[in-house]
Amino acid sequence: MDINSILLTHGNRTFKADTEDELGVFMHVGEYKIHVRKDDASLAMGMLVNEFHPLIDSFKKI
């Protein structure tokens, strides 16, 4: 699945960090983990996935 499919499926979900690592925070969306860097996390909080998608650092299937 690519990022466009995730945006279509889960684009209306509000960003809320579930876990964090040394580089940033993760949000679990379906079977994927979306990573946002710590510098961008405060910007993404409360935004819809469709709105903050340029801030997504990476995503991977869990």
PDB file of N, CA and C in Angstrom:
ATOM      1  N   MET A   1       0.857  -1.175   0.000  1.00  0.00           N
ATOM      2  CA  MET A   1       0.000   0.000   0.000  1.00  0.00           C
ATOM      3  C   MET A   1       0.897   1.229   0.000  1.00  0.00           C
ATOM      4  N   ASP A   2       0.501   2.238  -0.731  1.00  0.00           N
ATOM      5  CA  ASP A   2       1.269   3.471  -0.752  1.00  0.00           C
ATOM      6  C   ASP A   2       0.583   4.529   0.103  1.00  0.00           C
ATOM      7  N   ILE A   3       1.228   5.675   0.238  1.00  0.00           N
ATOM      8  CA  ILE A   3       0.713   6.739   1.109  1.00  0.00           C
ATOM      9  C   ILE A   3      -0.642   7.246   0.616  1.00  0.00           C
ATOM     10  N   ASN A   4      -0.870   7.267  -0.686  1.00  0.00           N
ATOM     11  CA  ASN A   4      -2.153   7.738  -1.211  1.00  0.00           C
ATOM     12  C   ASN A   4      -3.305   6.843  -0.768  1.00  0.00           C
ATOM     13  N   SER A   5      -3.070   5.551  -0.725  1.00  0.00           N
ATOM     14  CA  SER A   5      -4.107   4.622  -0.259  1.00  0.00           C
ATOM     15  C   SER A   5      -4.404   4.843   1.225  1.00  0.00           C
ATOM     16  N   ILE A   6      -3.373   5.097   2.004  1.00  0.00           N
ATOM     17  CA  ILE A   6      -3.569   5.373   3.430  1.00  0.00           C
ATOM     18  C   ILE A   6      -4.361   6.657   3.600  1.00  0.00           C
ATOM     19  N   LEU A   7      -4.039   7.669   2.810  1.00  0.00           N
ATOM     20  CA  LEU A   7      -4.762   8.943   2.901  1.00  0.00           C
ATOM     21  C   LEU A   7      -6.230   8.779   2.525  1.00  0.00           C
ATOM     22  N   LEU A   8      -6.512   7.984   1.509  1.00  0.00           N
ATOM     23  CA  LEU A   8      -7.905   7.755   1.114  1.00  0.00           C
ATOM     24  C   LEU A   8      -8.673   6.999   2.188  1.00  0.00           C
ATOM     25  N   THR A   9      -8.024   6.021   2.798  1.00  0.00           N
ATOM     26  CA  THR A   9      -8.686   5.179   3.783  1.00  0.00           C
ATOM     27  C   THR A   9      -8.797   5.846   5.145  1.00  0.00           C
ATOM     28  N   HIS A  10      -7.743   6.534   5.584  1.00  0.00           N
ATOM     29  CA  HIS A  10      -7.674   7.052   6.951  1.00  0.00           C
ATOM     30  C   HIS A  10      -7.456   8.563   7.018  1.00  0.00           C
ATOM     31  N   GLY A  11      -7.687   9.265   5.925  1.00  0.00           N
ATOM     32  CA  GLY A  11      -7.404  10.696   5.856  1.00  0.00           C
ATOM     33  C   GLY A  11      -8.185  11.564   6.817  1.00  0.00           C
ATOM     34  N   ASN A  12      -9.334  11.104   7.293  1.00  0.00           N
ATOM     35  CA  ASN A  12     -10.163  11.918   8.188  1.00  0.00           C
ATOM     36  C   ASN A  12      -9.911  11.643   9.663  1.00  0.00           C
ATOM     37  N   ARG A  13      -8.886  10.861   9.959  1.00  0.00           N
ATOM     38  CA  ARG A  13      -8.525  10.610  11.363  1.00  0.00           C
ATOM     39  C   ARG A  13      -7.640  11.734  11.874  1.00  0.00           C
ATOM     40  N   THR A  14      -7.827  12.101  13.122  1.00  0.00           N
ATOM     41  CA  THR A  14      -7.042  13.153  13.745  1.00  0.00           C
ATOM     42  C   THR A  14      -5.744  12.575  14.293  1.00  0.00           C
ATOM     43  N   PHE A  15      -4.641  13.303  14.095  1.00  0.00           N
ATOM     44  CA  PHE A  15      -3.344  12.823  14.552  1.00  0.00           C
ATOM     45  C   PHE A  15      -3.275  12.825  16.069  1.00  0.00           C
ATOM     46  N   LYS A  16      -2.885  11.694  16.603  1.00  0.00           N
ATOM     47  CA  LYS A  16      -2.648  11.530  18.033  1.00  0.00           C
ATOM     48  C   LYS A  16      -1.501  10.539  18.162  1.00  0.00           C
ATOM     49  N   ALA A  17      -0.421  10.960  18.786  1.00  0.00           N
ATOM     50  CA  ALA A  17       0.755  10.102  18.913  1.00  0.00           C
ATOM     51  C   ALA A  17       0.459   8.936  19.845  1.00  0.00           C
ATOM     52  N   ASP A  18       0.780   7.730  19.393  1.00  0.00           N
ATOM     53  CA  ASP A  18       0.592   6.524  20.195  1.00  0.00           C
ATOM     54  C   ASP A  18       1.877   6.116  20.909  1.00  0.00           C
ATOM     55  N   THR A  19       3.002   6.220  20.220  1.00  0.00           N
ATOM     56  CA  THR A  19       4.302   5.862  20.783  1.00  0.00           C
ATOM     57  C   THR A  19       5.340   6.843  20.266  1.00  0.00           C
ATOM     58  N   GLU A  20       6.533   6.773  20.820  1.00  0.00           N
ATOM     59  CA  GLU A  20       7.602   7.634  20.339  1.00  0.00           C
ATOM     60  C   GLU A  20       8.928   6.895  20.352  1.00  0.00           C
ATOM     61  N   ASP A  21       9.863   7.415  19.592  1.00  0.00           N
ATOM     62  CA  ASP A  21      11.225   6.906  19.597  1.00  0.00           C
ATOM     63  C   ASP A  21      12.162   8.106  19.699  1.00  0.00           C
ATOM     64  N   GLU A  22      13.441   7.884  19.502  1.00  0.00           N
ATOM     65  CA  GLU A  22      14.399   8.977  19.670  1.00  0.00           C
ATOM     66  C   GLU A  22      14.282  10.041  18.583  1.00  0.00           C
ATOM     67  N   LEU A  23      13.675   9.719  17.447  1.00  0.00           N
ATOM     68  CA  LEU A  23      13.560  10.667  16.341  1.00  0.00           C
ATOM     69  C   LEU A  23      12.195  11.334  16.215  1.00  0.00           C
ATOM     70  N   GLY A  24      11.157  10.728  16.773  1.00  0.00           N
ATOM     71  CA  GLY A  24       9.831  11.297  16.608  1.00  0.00           C
ATOM     72  C   GLY A  24       8.747  10.481  17.265  1.00  0.00           C
ATOM     73  N   VAL A  25       7.534  10.629  16.734  1.00  0.00           N
ATOM     74  CA  VAL A  25       6.365   9.960  17.298  1.00  0.00           C
ATOM     75  C   VAL A  25       5.666   9.138  16.217  1.00  0.00           C
ATOM     76  N   PHE A  26       4.920   8.133  16.663  1.00  0.00           N
ATOM     77  CA  PHE A  26       4.187   7.244  15.770  1.00  0.00           C
ATOM     78  C   PHE A  26       2.703   7.317  16.068  1.00  0.00           C
ATOM     79  N   MET A  27       1.916   7.175  15.022  1.00  0.00           N
ATOM     80  CA  MET A  27       0.471   7.024  15.138  1.00  0.00           C
ATOM     81  C   MET A  27       0.112   5.740  14.408  1.00  0.00           C
ATOM     82  N   HIS A  28      -0.668   4.890  15.047  1.00  0.00           N
ATOM     83  CA  HIS A  28      -1.115   3.653  14.415  1.00  0.00           C
ATOM     84  C   HIS A  28      -2.408   3.926  13.662  1.00  0.00           C
ATOM     85  N   VAL A  29      -2.401   3.597  12.381  1.00  0.00           N
ATOM     86  CA  VAL A  29      -3.552   3.797  11.505  1.00  0.00           C
ATOM     87  C   VAL A  29      -3.786   2.488  10.782  1.00  0.00           C
ATOM     88  N   GLY A  30      -4.854   1.804  11.158  1.00  0.00           N
ATOM     89  CA  GLY A  30      -5.106   0.505  10.552  1.00  0.00           C
ATOM     90  C   GLY A  30      -3.952  -0.429  10.849  1.00  0.00           C
ATOM     91  N   GLU A  31      -3.361  -0.986   9.814  1.00  0.00           N
ATOM     92  CA  GLU A  31      -2.228  -1.891   9.995  1.00  0.00           C
ATOM     93  C   GLU A  31      -0.895  -1.199   9.712  1.00  0.00           C
ATOM     94  N   TYR A  32      -0.890   0.135   9.749  1.00  0.00           N
ATOM     95  CA  TYR A  32       0.319   0.907   9.470  1.00  0.00           C
ATOM     96  C   TYR A  32       0.702   1.786  10.651  1.00  0.00           C
ATOM     97  N   LYS A  33       1.970   2.094  10.689  1.00  0.00           N
ATOM     98  CA  LYS A  33       2.528   2.982  11.696  1.00  0.00           C
ATOM     99  C   LYS A  33       3.085   4.193  10.951  1.00  0.00           C
ATOM    100  N   ILE A  34       2.524   5.379  11.228  1.00  0.00           N
ATOM    101  CA  ILE A  34       2.958   6.616  10.580  1.00  0.00           C
ATOM    102  C   ILE A  34       3.922   7.336  11.523  1.00  0.00           C
ATOM    103  N   HIS A  35       5.091   7.709  11.009  1.00  0.00           N
ATOM    104  CA  HIS A  35       6.115   8.374  11.811  1.00  0.00           C
ATOM    105  C   HIS A  35       6.202   9.851  11.434  1.00  0.00           C
ATOM    106  N   VAL A  36       6.222  10.707  12.453  1.00  0.00           N
ATOM    107  CA  VAL A  36       6.411  12.145  12.279  1.00  0.00           C
ATOM    108  C   VAL A  36       7.582  12.550  13.169  1.00  0.00           C
ATOM    109  N   ARG A  37       8.517  13.324  12.623  1.00  0.00           N
ATOM    110  CA  ARG A  37       9.682  13.756  13.404  1.00  0.00           C
ATOM    111  C   ARG A  37       9.256  14.637  14.575  1.00  0.00           C
ATOM    112  N   LYS A  38      10.062  14.628  15.644  1.00  0.00           N
ATOM    113  CA  LYS A  38       9.736  15.391  16.853  1.00  0.00           C
ATOM    114  C   LYS A  38       9.532  16.866  16.561  1.00  0.00           C
ATOM    115  N   ASP A  39      10.324  17.430  15.662  1.00  0.00           N
ATOM    116  CA  ASP A  39      10.190  18.851  15.320  1.00  0.00           C
ATOM    117  C   ASP A  39       8.827  19.167  14.709  1.00  0.00           C
ATOM    118  N   ASP A  40       8.239  18.201  14.021  1.00  0.00           N
ATOM    119  CA  ASP A  40       6.961  18.412  13.343  1.00  0.00           C
ATOM    120  C   ASP A  40       5.760  17.896  14.129  1.00  0.00           C
ATOM    121  N   ALA A  41       5.995  17.167  15.200  1.00  0.00           N
ATOM    122  CA  ALA A  41       4.906  16.539  15.948  1.00  0.00           C
ATOM    123  C   ALA A  41       3.948  17.567  16.519  1.00  0.00           C
ATOM    124  N   SER A  42       4.457  18.659  17.062  1.00  0.00           N
ATOM    125  CA  SER A  42       3.559  19.658  17.646  1.00  0.00           C
ATOM    126  C   SER A  42       2.700  20.325  16.574  1.00  0.00           C
ATOM    127  N   LEU A  43       3.214  20.427  15.366  1.00  0.00           N
ATOM    128  CA  LEU A  43       2.413  20.975  14.259  1.00  0.00           C
ATOM    129  C   LEU A  43       1.298  20.021  13.858  1.00  0.00           C
ATOM    130  N   ALA A  44       1.592  18.734  13.855  1.00  0.00           N
ATOM    131  CA  ALA A  44       0.642  17.727  13.392  1.00  0.00           C
ATOM    132  C   ALA A  44      -0.457  17.421  14.410  1.00  0.00           C
ATOM    133  N   MET A  45      -0.206  17.639  15.696  1.00  0.00           N
ATOM    134  CA  MET A  45      -1.192  17.310  16.730  1.00  0.00           C
ATOM    135  C   MET A  45      -2.520  17.995  16.452  1.00  0.00           C
ATOM    136  N   GLY A  46      -3.574  17.209  16.424  1.00  0.00           N
ATOM    137  CA  GLY A  46      -4.917  17.733  16.226  1.00  0.00           C
ATOM    138  C   GLY A  46      -5.323  17.918  14.768  1.00  0.00           C
ATOM    139  N   MET A  47      -4.389  17.736  13.850  1.00  0.00           N
ATOM    140  CA  MET A  47      -4.702  17.883  12.432  1.00  0.00           C
ATOM    141  C   MET A  47      -5.175  16.541  11.864  1.00  0.00           C
ATOM    142  N   LEU A  48      -5.932  16.598  10.775  1.00  0.00           N
ATOM    143  CA  LEU A  48      -6.335  15.387  10.078  1.00  0.00           C
ATOM    144  C   LEU A  48      -5.146  14.843   9.303  1.00  0.00           C
ATOM    145  N   VAL A  49      -5.129  13.548   9.093  1.00  0.00           N
ATOM    146  CA  VAL A  49      -4.044  12.915   8.339  1.00  0.00           C
ATOM    147  C   VAL A  49      -3.918  13.570   6.960  1.00  0.00           C
ATOM    148  N   ASN A  50      -5.023  13.894   6.321  1.00  0.00           N
ATOM    149  CA  ASN A  50      -4.979  14.570   5.022  1.00  0.00           C
ATOM    150  C   ASN A  50      -4.291  15.920   5.093  1.00  0.00           C
ATOM    151  N   GLU A  51      -4.380  16.597   6.229  1.00  0.00           N
ATOM    152  CA  GLU A  51      -3.797  17.931   6.368  1.00  0.00           C
ATOM    153  C   GLU A  51      -2.304  17.896   6.678  1.00  0.00           C
ATOM    154  N   PHE A  52      -1.859  16.936   7.472  1.00  0.00           N
ATOM    155  CA  PHE A  52      -0.455  16.926   7.864  1.00  0.00           C
ATOM    156  C   PHE A  52       0.391  15.961   7.056  1.00  0.00           C
ATOM    157  N   HIS A  53      -0.142  15.384   5.988  1.00  0.00           N
ATOM    158  CA  HIS A  53       0.614  14.383   5.235  1.00  0.00           C
ATOM    159  C   HIS A  53       1.981  14.858   4.745  1.00  0.00           C
ATOM    160  N   PRO A  54       2.217  16.153   4.469  1.00  0.00           N
ATOM    161  CA  PRO A  54       3.591  16.542   4.104  1.00  0.00           C
ATOM    162  C   PRO A  54       4.595  16.375   5.253  1.00  0.00           C
ATOM    163  N   LEU A  55       4.101  16.289   6.473  1.00  0.00           N
ATOM    164  CA  LEU A  55       4.982  16.142   7.630  1.00  0.00           C
ATOM    165  C   LEU A  55       5.326  14.688   7.935  1.00  0.00           C
ATOM    166  N   ILE A  56       4.693  13.744   7.239  1.00  0.00           N
ATOM    167  CA  ILE A  56       4.957  12.323   7.480  1.00  0.00           C
ATOM    168  C   ILE A  56       6.374  11.995   7.039  1.00  0.00           C
ATOM    169  N   ASP A  57       7.151  11.492   7.979  1.00  0.00           N
ATOM    170  CA  ASP A  57       8.542  11.128   7.709  1.00  0.00           C
ATOM    171  C   ASP A  57       8.612   9.753   7.050  1.00  0.00           C
ATOM    172  N   SER A  58       7.820   8.817   7.561  1.00  0.00           N
ATOM    173  CA  SER A  58       7.801   7.470   6.998  1.00  0.00           C
ATOM    174  C   SER A  58       6.565   6.745   7.485  1.00  0.00           C
ATOM    175  N   PHE A  59       6.289   5.609   6.868  1.00  0.00           N
ATOM    176  CA  PHE A  59       5.210   4.728   7.327  1.00  0.00           C
ATOM    177  C   PHE A  59       5.621   3.312   6.991  1.00  0.00           C
ATOM    178  N   LYS A  60       5.159   2.383   7.806  1.00  0.00           N
ATOM    179  CA  LYS A  60       5.436   0.986   7.508  1.00  0.00           C
ATOM    180  C   LYS A  60       4.332   0.112   8.069  1.00  0.00           C
ATOM    181  N   LYS A  61       4.186  -1.038   7.458  1.00  0.00           N
ATOM    182  CA  LYS A  61       3.175  -1.996   7.862  1.00  0.00           C
ATOM    183  C   LYS A  61       3.647  -2.695   9.138  1.00  0.00           C
ATOM    184  N   ILE A  62       2.719  -2.850  10.082  1.00  0.00           N
ATOM    185  CA  ILE A  62       3.079  -3.513  11.346  1.00  0.00           C
ATOM    186  C   ILE A  62       2.489  -4.896  11.404  1.00  0.00           C
TER     187      ILE A  62
END
